[in-house]
Amino acid sequence: MTKHTAANWAAFTDAEPELARITEERFGAFTHHVLATLRKDGSPRTTGLEVRFLNGELWLGMMPDSLKALDLRRDPRFALQANPGEGTGMGGGDVRISGRAIEVEDAETKKAYTQEVEPPEPFHLFRTELTEVVRTYVEDDTYLVVQVWRPGEPVRTLKRT
């Protein structure tokens, strides 16, 4: 198997359909999630964000000239944390995605996205290239289970008591 350094959402879904389904469910359970970007000085910035899984891509839409958009233009690396919800249950586990965000300048792609999502105009649109997906959950009230996927590799599962 060829090892890749990044993959779009469709490639992840093809490689690991069950983990992709759970990941989409976790992100679909709530509207707002947490995006981590890098500031000019390299320190982390976290902000709220809505995400969309559409046409084989994970999309990040942002207000014009928002700090997170400017961060991603300067350094495309990001981490995205699914909203855990209320309390400590975290049904489905804790899910996070890391990768690179590539700004979409193509008018036809943005138009197609706008027809599906109807974001306020103007906006920045980024498609993502995934470098890692991680799910953490508790199994049988005994084990902490961590599933890690990276492009070109099968899911690695670690269990701890």
Protein backbone atom coordinates (compact mmCIF):
# COMPACT_ATOMS: atom_id res chain seq x y z
CA MET A 1 0.00 0.00 0.00
CA THR A 2 1.32 3.44 -0.94
CA LYS A 3 1.74 5.76 1.99
CA HIS A 4 0.17 9.18 1.45
CA THR A 5 0.68 12.27 3.57
CA ALA A 6 -2.83 13.71 3.08
CA ALA A 7 -6.23 12.62 1.79
CA ASN A 8 -9.56 14.27 1.17
CA TRP A 9 -12.75 13.19 2.94
CA ALA A 10 -13.78 10.79 0.16
CA ALA A 11 -10.43 8.96 0.33
CA PHE A 12 -10.78 8.61 4.12
CA THR A 13 -14.36 7.34 3.73
CA ASP A 14 -13.23 4.77 1.15
CA ALA A 15 -10.32 3.64 3.34
CA GLU A 16 -12.16 3.51 6.68
CA PRO A 17 -15.94 3.71 6.19
CA GLU A 18 -16.90 2.84 9.79
CA LEU A 19 -14.62 5.43 11.40
CA ALA A 20 -15.70 7.99 8.78
CA ARG A 21 -19.38 7.31 9.58
CA ILE A 22 -18.80 7.73 13.32
CA THR A 23 -16.78 10.89 12.72
CA GLU A 24 -19.54 12.43 10.57
CA GLU A 25 -22.14 11.48 13.20
CA ARG A 26 -20.12 13.16 15.94
CA PHE A 27 -19.72 16.35 13.90
CA GLY A 28 -23.38 16.15 12.84
CA ALA A 29 -24.63 15.97 16.43
CA PHE A 30 -23.90 19.68 17.02
CA THR A 31 -23.57 22.75 14.84
CA HIS A 32 -20.49 24.40 16.34
CA HIS A 33 -17.07 22.84 16.79
CA VAL A 34 -13.58 24.04 17.73
CA LEU A 35 -10.95 24.88 15.12
CA ALA A 36 -7.30 25.31 16.08
CA THR A 37 -5.07 27.36 13.79
CA LEU A 38 -1.63 28.92 14.16
CA ARG A 39 -1.14 32.65 14.78
CA LYS A 40 1.65 34.67 13.14
CA ASP A 41 3.90 33.99 16.13
CA GLY A 42 3.22 30.23 15.97
CA SER A 43 1.04 30.09 19.07
CA PRO A 44 -2.32 28.31 18.83
CA ARG A 45 -5.64 30.04 18.25
CA THR A 46 -8.94 28.24 18.90
CA THR A 47 -12.24 29.47 17.52
CA GLY A 48 -15.74 28.18 16.91
CA LEU A 49 -16.66 26.92 13.46
CA GLU A 50 -19.37 25.13 11.51
CA VAL A 51 -18.24 22.38 9.14
CA ARG A 52 -19.82 20.62 6.16
CA PHE A 53 -19.29 17.17 4.68
CA LEU A 54 -20.34 17.60 1.08
CA ASN A 55 -19.43 16.02 -2.27
CA GLY A 56 -16.56 13.98 -0.84
CA GLU A 57 -14.94 16.91 0.93
CA LEU A 58 -14.81 18.33 4.44
CA TRP A 59 -15.41 22.09 4.02
CA LEU A 60 -14.59 24.96 6.34
CA GLY A 61 -16.43 28.22 5.65
CA MET A 62 -15.46 31.50 7.35
CA MET A 63 -16.39 35.15 7.47
CA PRO A 64 -14.28 37.47 5.30
CA ASP A 65 -10.91 38.35 6.82
CA SER A 66 -11.64 36.45 10.03
CA LEU A 67 -8.50 35.74 12.03
CA LYS A 68 -8.88 31.99 11.52
CA ALA A 69 -9.09 32.47 7.73
CA LEU A 70 -6.03 34.72 7.77
CA ASP A 71 -4.21 32.13 9.92
CA LEU A 72 -5.01 29.36 7.41
CA ARG A 73 -3.92 31.48 4.46
CA ARG A 74 -0.55 31.96 6.17
CA ASP A 75 -0.17 28.41 7.50
CA PRO A 76 -2.73 25.83 6.34
CA ARG A 77 -2.28 23.42 9.26
CA PHE A 78 -5.34 22.95 11.46
CA ALA A 79 -6.92 20.71 14.07
CA LEU A 80 -10.68 20.37 14.35
CA GLN A 81 -12.37 19.09 17.50
CA ALA A 82 -15.96 17.82 17.43
CA ASN A 83 -18.20 19.49 19.99
CA PRO A 84 -18.37 16.98 22.88
CA GLY A 85 -21.87 18.11 23.90
CA GLU A 86 -23.20 18.53 27.39
CA GLY A 87 -22.01 16.54 30.37
CA THR A 88 -19.43 13.79 30.16
CA GLY A 89 -21.22 11.20 28.02
CA MET A 90 -19.68 12.11 24.64
CA GLY A 91 -21.85 9.57 22.81
CA GLY A 92 -19.68 8.12 20.05
CA GLY A 93 -16.49 9.34 21.66
CA ASP A 94 -14.20 12.29 21.26
CA VAL A 95 -13.30 12.92 17.61
CA ARG A 96 -10.71 15.22 16.08
CA ILE A 97 -9.32 15.78 12.62
CA SER A 98 -5.96 17.28 11.66
CA GLY A 99 -4.76 18.38 8.28
CA ARG A 100 -4.25 21.27 5.92
CA ALA A 101 -6.90 23.71 4.72
CA ILE A 102 -6.68 24.83 1.10
CA GLU A 103 -8.57 28.00 0.18
CA VAL A 104 -10.97 27.60 -2.73
CA GLU A 105 -10.78 30.47 -5.21
CA ASP A 106 -12.61 28.71 -8.05
CA ALA A 107 -15.90 30.55 -8.67
CA GLU A 108 -17.79 27.45 -9.84
CA THR A 109 -16.83 25.45 -6.76
CA LYS A 110 -17.82 28.31 -4.46
CA LYS A 111 -21.11 28.72 -6.35
CA ALA A 112 -21.94 25.02 -5.97
CA TYR A 113 -21.12 25.22 -2.24
CA THR A 114 -23.28 28.35 -1.89
CA GLN A 115 -26.24 26.63 -3.56
CA GLU A 116 -26.01 23.75 -1.06
CA VAL A 117 -25.12 25.62 2.12
CA GLU A 118 -26.36 29.21 1.59
CA PRO A 119 -23.63 30.90 3.66
CA PRO A 120 -23.68 34.65 4.26
CA GLU A 121 -21.73 36.40 1.50
CA PRO A 122 -18.88 37.11 1.11
CA PHE A 123 -17.00 34.24 2.73
CA HIS A 124 -13.78 32.24 2.67
CA LEU A 125 -14.10 28.59 1.71
CA PHE A 126 -11.45 25.99 2.48
CA ARG A 127 -11.39 22.33 1.49
CA THR A 128 -9.38 20.05 3.71
CA GLU A 129 -6.61 17.55 3.22
CA LEU A 130 -6.60 15.17 6.18
CA THR A 131 -3.39 14.06 7.83
CA GLU A 132 -4.97 12.34 10.85
CA VAL A 133 -8.33 11.36 12.33
CA VAL A 134 -8.46 10.31 16.00
CA ARG A 135 -11.38 8.89 17.98
CA THR A 136 -11.14 8.32 21.73
CA TYR A 137 -13.85 6.52 23.68
CA VAL A 138 -14.46 4.33 26.71
CA GLU A 139 -15.30 0.67 26.17
CA ASP A 140 -17.13 -1.44 28.77
CA ASP A 141 -16.44 1.22 31.45
CA THR A 142 -12.94 -0.33 31.57
CA TYR A 143 -10.82 0.59 28.58
CA LEU A 144 -9.83 3.90 27.08
CA VAL A 145 -9.73 3.15 23.36
CA VAL A 146 -7.89 5.38 20.90
CA GLN A 147 -8.31 4.84 17.16
CA VAL A 148 -5.81 6.65 14.93
CA TRP A 149 -6.01 6.87 11.15
CA ARG A 150 -3.40 8.40 8.86
CA PRO A 151 -3.49 8.37 5.05
CA GLY A 152 -2.10 5.20 3.54
CA GLU A 153 -2.30 3.31 6.84
CA PRO A 154 -5.00 1.17 8.43
CA VAL A 155 -6.65 2.36 11.63
CA ARG A 156 -4.42 1.68 14.62
CA THR A 157 -6.33 0.88 17.83
CA LEU A 158 -4.78 1.31 21.27
CA LYS A 159 -6.48 0.18 24.50
CA ARG A 160 -5.55 1.27 27.99
CA THR A 161 -7.04 0.45 31.37
